[in-house]
Amino acid sequence: MGRPRDEHHRRTRHRHHQQQRHPAHHRPAPRRPRPAATGTAATAAVPAAATALVVVDLQNDFCAGEVAAARFPGDPARLAAVAGRTAAAVDRARALGVEVVFVRFLGDPAHQGPAWQRRDAALGKRAKCLEGSWGAEFHAALPRPDEAVFTKPACFDAFLDPAFEPHLRARGVRHLVLAGLFTDVCVDSTARTAFQRGFHLTVLRDCTTALHLADQDILRFMERLYGARVTDLGDGGPTDEQPFALPELTGSAARTKVGRP
């Protein structure tokens, strides 16, 4: 009568020992097949209907008045030109039925984290685009009542507004056209996250300018790292959708390159 019970205990100890040697949470996850490097999903055109024009920080403290002129290292006329071209991009997008979304920055000390405050104190930087001030107001292109506005409280990336990405997804947007200020700060920060979230990117070269870097350097960086298409709004008429419709990649442009990201 004792042998079956001893056998049961022996088998139980053996299973327990095996589980300790090979715990479930150490088992390798099953490998998922990787998507193909090339194919229609990677090379297909994206129509203007799946595009949103994102106007980044076109605000007075960045492109008009004494504060903007004092901090911009180049000719302030460049800021005025960018604001004018961005306003023209907004008009054309509206005429084509392309959604326009606006992003604004608020730099109040109450929004700043400790690192931001320390940097400003060390460099003697003054807070810009204070909430409710003229400096925080949009310049040259104003949102319509039916157009979405997203806020970045002392941060660079539009995706840090938690409503930004859900808004785009709900409308089937797959392609972002970026305009506004500055190419190497908030435009680049937004482009970087957009690329990582799977959005196609176009940067309108004549609708943006850089603050710290040469324009051509940051635009080349965005082309290489994010696969951004860099193009001009151009002087086409209100029905010219070239800046907003992403063309299909064909031939050598559609081939996947292996190398450094």
Protein backbone atom coordinates (compact mmCIF):
# COMPACT_ATOMS: atom_id res chain seq x y z
CA MET A 1 0.00 0.00 0.00
CA GLY A 2 2.92 2.38 0.63
CA ARG A 3 4.61 2.02 -2.79
CA PRO A 4 2.00 3.86 -4.94
CA ARG A 5 2.09 6.80 -2.50
CA ASP A 6 5.91 6.86 -2.62
CA GLU A 7 5.78 6.77 -6.41
CA HIS A 8 3.35 9.71 -6.45
CA HIS A 9 5.65 11.76 -4.20
CA ARG A 10 8.66 10.94 -6.36
CA ARG A 11 6.92 12.12 -9.53
CA THR A 12 5.69 15.30 -7.83
CA ARG A 13 9.21 16.16 -6.66
CA HIS A 14 10.53 15.52 -10.18
CA ARG A 15 7.99 17.91 -11.78
CA HIS A 16 8.77 20.58 -9.16
CA HIS A 17 12.50 20.18 -9.81
CA GLN A 18 11.97 20.54 -13.57
CA GLN A 19 9.88 23.69 -13.09
CA GLN A 20 12.63 25.24 -10.96
CA ARG A 21 15.24 24.47 -13.61
CA HIS A 22 13.08 25.86 -16.44
CA PRO A 23 10.75 28.52 -14.98
CA ALA A 24 8.00 29.62 -17.35
CA HIS A 25 9.02 33.29 -17.37
CA HIS A 26 12.46 32.39 -18.72
CA ARG A 27 11.13 30.60 -21.75
CA PRO A 28 11.92 32.49 -24.97
CA ALA A 29 8.91 34.14 -26.57
CA PRO A 30 7.86 32.70 -29.90
CA ARG A 31 9.42 34.62 -32.75
CA ARG A 32 7.10 36.73 -34.84
CA PRO A 33 7.73 36.93 -38.55
CA ARG A 34 9.24 40.24 -39.57
CA PRO A 35 7.42 42.34 -42.15
CA ALA A 36 8.89 42.29 -45.60
CA ALA A 37 11.52 44.94 -46.22
CA THR A 38 9.88 45.96 -49.48
CA GLY A 39 6.39 45.77 -50.86
CA THR A 40 3.28 47.80 -51.51
CA ALA A 41 2.85 48.84 -47.86
CA ALA A 42 6.32 50.40 -47.84
CA THR A 43 6.22 52.05 -51.26
CA ALA A 44 2.59 52.96 -51.94
CA ALA A 45 1.50 56.54 -52.45
CA VAL A 46 -0.33 58.33 -49.64
CA PRO A 47 -3.14 60.60 -50.87
CA ALA A 48 -3.79 64.10 -49.60
CA ALA A 49 -6.94 62.74 -47.93
CA ALA A 50 -4.73 60.82 -45.47
CA THR A 51 -2.55 63.86 -44.75
CA ALA A 52 -2.53 66.53 -42.05
CA LEU A 53 -0.64 69.81 -42.19
CA VAL A 54 0.92 70.36 -38.76
CA VAL A 55 1.68 74.03 -38.04
CA VAL A 56 4.29 74.12 -35.28
CA ASP A 57 4.71 77.10 -32.94
CA LEU A 58 3.90 79.88 -35.39
CA GLN A 59 3.66 82.30 -32.46
CA ASN A 60 4.67 85.91 -31.98
CA ASP A 61 7.57 85.29 -29.60
CA PHE A 62 9.12 82.99 -32.19
CA CYS A 63 8.56 84.89 -35.41
CA ALA A 64 7.55 88.52 -34.77
CA GLY A 65 8.49 91.37 -32.45
CA GLU A 66 11.53 92.13 -30.32
CA VAL A 67 11.80 88.76 -28.56
CA ALA A 68 11.93 86.83 -31.83
CA ALA A 69 14.39 89.23 -33.44
CA ALA A 70 16.71 89.22 -30.42
CA ARG A 71 17.12 85.44 -30.25
CA PHE A 72 17.15 84.52 -33.95
CA PRO A 73 20.76 84.46 -35.19
CA GLY A 74 19.89 85.25 -38.81
CA ASP A 75 18.02 87.99 -40.59
CA PRO A 76 14.57 88.51 -38.99
CA ALA A 77 13.25 88.84 -42.53
CA ARG A 78 13.71 85.08 -42.77
CA LEU A 79 11.23 84.60 -39.94
CA ALA A 80 8.72 86.84 -41.70
CA ALA A 81 9.17 84.88 -44.93
CA VAL A 82 8.63 81.54 -43.16
CA ALA A 83 5.50 82.86 -41.46
CA GLY A 84 4.14 84.08 -44.80
CA ARG A 85 4.86 80.81 -46.59
CA THR A 86 3.33 78.80 -43.74
CA ALA A 87 0.18 80.92 -43.95
CA ALA A 88 0.09 80.16 -47.69
CA ALA A 89 0.45 76.43 -46.91
CA VAL A 90 -2.51 76.67 -44.53
CA ASP A 91 -4.62 78.35 -47.22
CA ARG A 92 -3.74 75.72 -49.81
CA ALA A 93 -4.37 72.83 -47.43
CA ARG A 94 -7.80 74.21 -46.60
CA ALA A 95 -8.62 74.66 -50.27
CA LEU A 96 -7.71 71.02 -50.91
CA GLY A 97 -9.62 69.70 -47.91
CA VAL A 98 -6.41 68.66 -46.11
CA GLU A 99 -6.79 68.81 -42.35
CA VAL A 100 -4.81 71.56 -40.62
CA VAL A 101 -3.79 71.18 -36.98
CA PHE A 102 -2.01 73.82 -34.91
CA VAL A 103 0.54 73.22 -32.18
CA ARG A 104 1.53 75.90 -29.68
CA PHE A 105 4.19 76.25 -27.01
CA LEU A 106 3.67 77.69 -23.52
CA GLY A 107 6.85 78.49 -21.62
CA ASP A 108 5.53 79.68 -18.25
CA PRO A 109 7.86 78.84 -15.33
CA ALA A 110 4.97 76.93 -13.75
CA HIS A 111 5.19 74.45 -16.67
CA GLN A 112 8.98 74.09 -16.55
CA GLY A 113 10.65 71.10 -14.97
CA PRO A 114 13.76 71.41 -12.76
CA ALA A 115 16.18 70.77 -15.64
CA TRP A 116 14.48 73.40 -17.80
CA GLN A 117 14.63 75.94 -14.97
CA ARG A 118 18.28 75.18 -14.28
CA ARG A 119 19.20 75.60 -17.94
CA ASP A 120 17.40 78.94 -18.17
CA ALA A 121 19.08 80.19 -15.00
CA ALA A 122 22.52 79.13 -16.22
CA LEU A 123 22.08 80.71 -19.66
CA GLY A 124 20.06 83.72 -18.57
CA LYS A 125 17.17 82.71 -20.79
CA ARG A 126 13.84 84.44 -20.37
CA ALA A 127 10.59 82.50 -20.52
CA LYS A 128 8.72 82.91 -23.81
CA CYS A 129 5.16 82.45 -24.99
CA LEU A 130 3.62 83.06 -21.58
CA GLU A 131 0.03 81.95 -21.35
CA GLY A 132 -2.39 84.77 -22.14
CA SER A 133 0.34 87.04 -23.53
CA TRP A 134 0.69 88.53 -27.01
CA GLY A 135 3.86 86.49 -27.43
CA ALA A 136 1.93 83.23 -27.13
CA GLU A 137 -0.66 84.18 -29.77
CA PHE A 138 -0.53 82.66 -33.22
CA HIS A 139 1.03 84.75 -35.96
CA ALA A 140 0.15 85.02 -39.66
CA ALA A 141 -2.14 81.96 -39.69
CA LEU A 142 -4.94 81.59 -37.17
CA PRO A 143 -6.85 78.39 -36.39
CA ARG A 144 -10.46 78.24 -37.48
CA PRO A 145 -13.06 77.29 -34.88
CA ASP A 146 -13.30 73.78 -36.35
CA GLU A 147 -9.51 73.18 -36.39
CA ALA A 148 -7.73 71.43 -33.54
CA VAL A 149 -5.11 73.18 -31.41
CA PHE A 150 -2.65 71.21 -29.28
CA THR A 151 -0.50 72.62 -26.49
CA LYS A 152 3.08 71.82 -25.43
CA PRO A 153 3.63 73.15 -21.89
CA ALA A 154 7.41 73.69 -21.75
CA CYS A 155 8.21 70.81 -24.09
CA PHE A 156 9.18 70.41 -27.74
CA ASP A 157 7.32 67.38 -29.07
CA ALA A 158 3.68 67.72 -30.20
CA PHE A 159 3.12 64.06 -29.30
CA LEU A 160 3.55 65.00 -25.63
CA ASP A 161 0.06 66.46 -25.79
CA PRO A 162 -1.83 63.23 -25.06
CA ALA A 163 -4.66 64.18 -27.41
CA PHE A 164 -2.45 64.75 -30.47
CA GLU A 165 -1.88 61.21 -31.73
CA PRO A 166 -5.43 59.94 -31.00
CA HIS A 167 -6.78 62.89 -33.00
CA LEU A 168 -4.67 61.90 -36.01
CA ARG A 169 -5.50 58.20 -35.73
CA ALA A 170 -9.23 58.86 -35.46
CA ARG A 171 -9.11 60.72 -38.77
CA GLY A 172 -7.08 58.12 -40.62
CA VAL A 173 -4.04 60.37 -40.99
CA ARG A 174 -0.90 58.53 -42.11
CA HIS A 175 1.19 61.39 -43.48
CA LEU A 176 2.25 64.55 -41.66
CA VAL A 177 3.38 67.68 -43.49
CA LEU A 178 5.38 69.85 -41.10
CA ALA A 179 5.71 73.62 -41.19
CA GLY A 180 6.62 76.22 -38.60
CA LEU A 181 9.38 76.85 -36.07
CA PHE A 182 12.04 75.83 -35.44
CA THR A 183 13.32 73.08 -37.73
CA ASP A 184 16.00 71.89 -35.32
CA VAL A 185 13.90 72.14 -32.15
CA CYS A 186 10.15 71.49 -32.08
CA VAL A 187 9.76 70.48 -35.73
CA ASP A 188 12.51 67.88 -35.41
CA SER A 189 11.26 66.64 -32.02
CA THR A 190 7.78 66.11 -33.46
CA ALA A 191 9.16 64.49 -36.62
CA ARG A 192 11.25 62.04 -34.61
CA THR A 193 8.29 60.70 -32.65
CA ALA A 194 6.06 60.73 -35.73
CA PHE A 195 8.54 58.51 -37.58
CA GLN A 196 8.75 56.10 -34.65
CA ARG A 197 4.94 55.98 -34.49
CA GLY A 198 4.75 55.02 -38.15
CA PHE A 199 3.72 58.29 -39.78
CA HIS A 200 5.15 59.30 -43.15
CA LEU A 201 6.79 62.72 -43.14
CA THR A 202 7.14 65.71 -45.40
CA VAL A 203 8.94 68.87 -44.32
CA LEU A 204 8.17 72.07 -46.22
CA ARG A 205 11.60 73.63 -46.67
CA ASP A 206 10.32 77.14 -47.42
CA CYS A 207 7.94 77.02 -44.43
CA THR A 208 10.52 76.45 -41.70
CA THR A 209 13.94 77.56 -40.52
CA ALA A 210 16.41 76.44 -37.88
CA LEU A 211 17.50 78.25 -34.73
CA HIS A 212 20.83 76.62 -33.80
CA LEU A 213 21.93 74.64 -36.87
CA ALA A 214 22.27 75.35 -40.56
CA ASP A 215 18.98 74.71 -42.35
CA GLN A 216 20.53 72.31 -44.85
CA ASP A 217 22.16 70.24 -42.10
CA ILE A 218 19.02 69.57 -40.06
CA LEU A 219 16.94 68.94 -43.19
CA ARG A 220 19.52 66.45 -44.47
CA PHE A 221 19.50 64.77 -41.05
CA MET A 222 15.71 64.40 -41.15
CA GLU A 223 15.85 62.97 -44.66
CA ARG A 224 18.42 60.38 -43.66
CA LEU A 225 17.16 59.39 -40.22
CA TYR A 226 13.37 59.65 -40.63
CA GLY A 227 13.06 59.16 -44.39
CA ALA A 228 11.38 62.56 -44.53
CA ARG A 229 10.57 64.02 -47.91
CA VAL A 230 11.89 67.58 -48.01
CA THR A 231 10.15 69.77 -50.56
CA ASP A 232 8.95 73.33 -51.08
CA LEU A 233 5.40 74.54 -50.94
CA GLY A 234 6.18 76.20 -54.22
CA ASP A 235 4.07 78.67 -56.11
CA GLY A 236 1.41 76.29 -57.39
CA GLY A 237 -2.21 77.29 -57.39
CA PRO A 238 -4.80 76.36 -54.75
CA THR A 239 -5.41 73.00 -56.44
CA ASP A 240 -1.74 71.94 -56.46
CA GLU A 241 -1.68 69.07 -53.98
CA GLN A 242 1.95 68.06 -54.64
CA PRO A 243 3.18 69.08 -51.15
CA PHE A 244 0.40 67.10 -49.46
CA ALA A 245 0.19 63.88 -51.50
CA LEU A 246 3.11 61.53 -50.85
CA PRO A 247 4.16 59.90 -54.15
CA GLU A 248 4.82 56.22 -54.62
CA LEU A 249 8.44 55.11 -54.35
CA THR A 250 9.63 53.29 -57.45
CA GLY A 251 12.86 51.76 -58.70
CA SER A 252 15.99 52.25 -56.61
CA ALA A 253 14.22 54.70 -54.27
CA ALA A 254 11.99 51.88 -53.04
CA ARG A 255 14.81 49.46 -52.25
CA THR A 256 15.66 48.94 -48.62
CA LYS A 257 19.20 49.98 -47.70
CA VAL A 258 21.04 48.17 -44.96
CA GLY A 259 23.44 50.19 -42.88
CA ARG A 260 23.59 52.70 -40.10
CA PRO A 261 20.19 54.24 -39.19
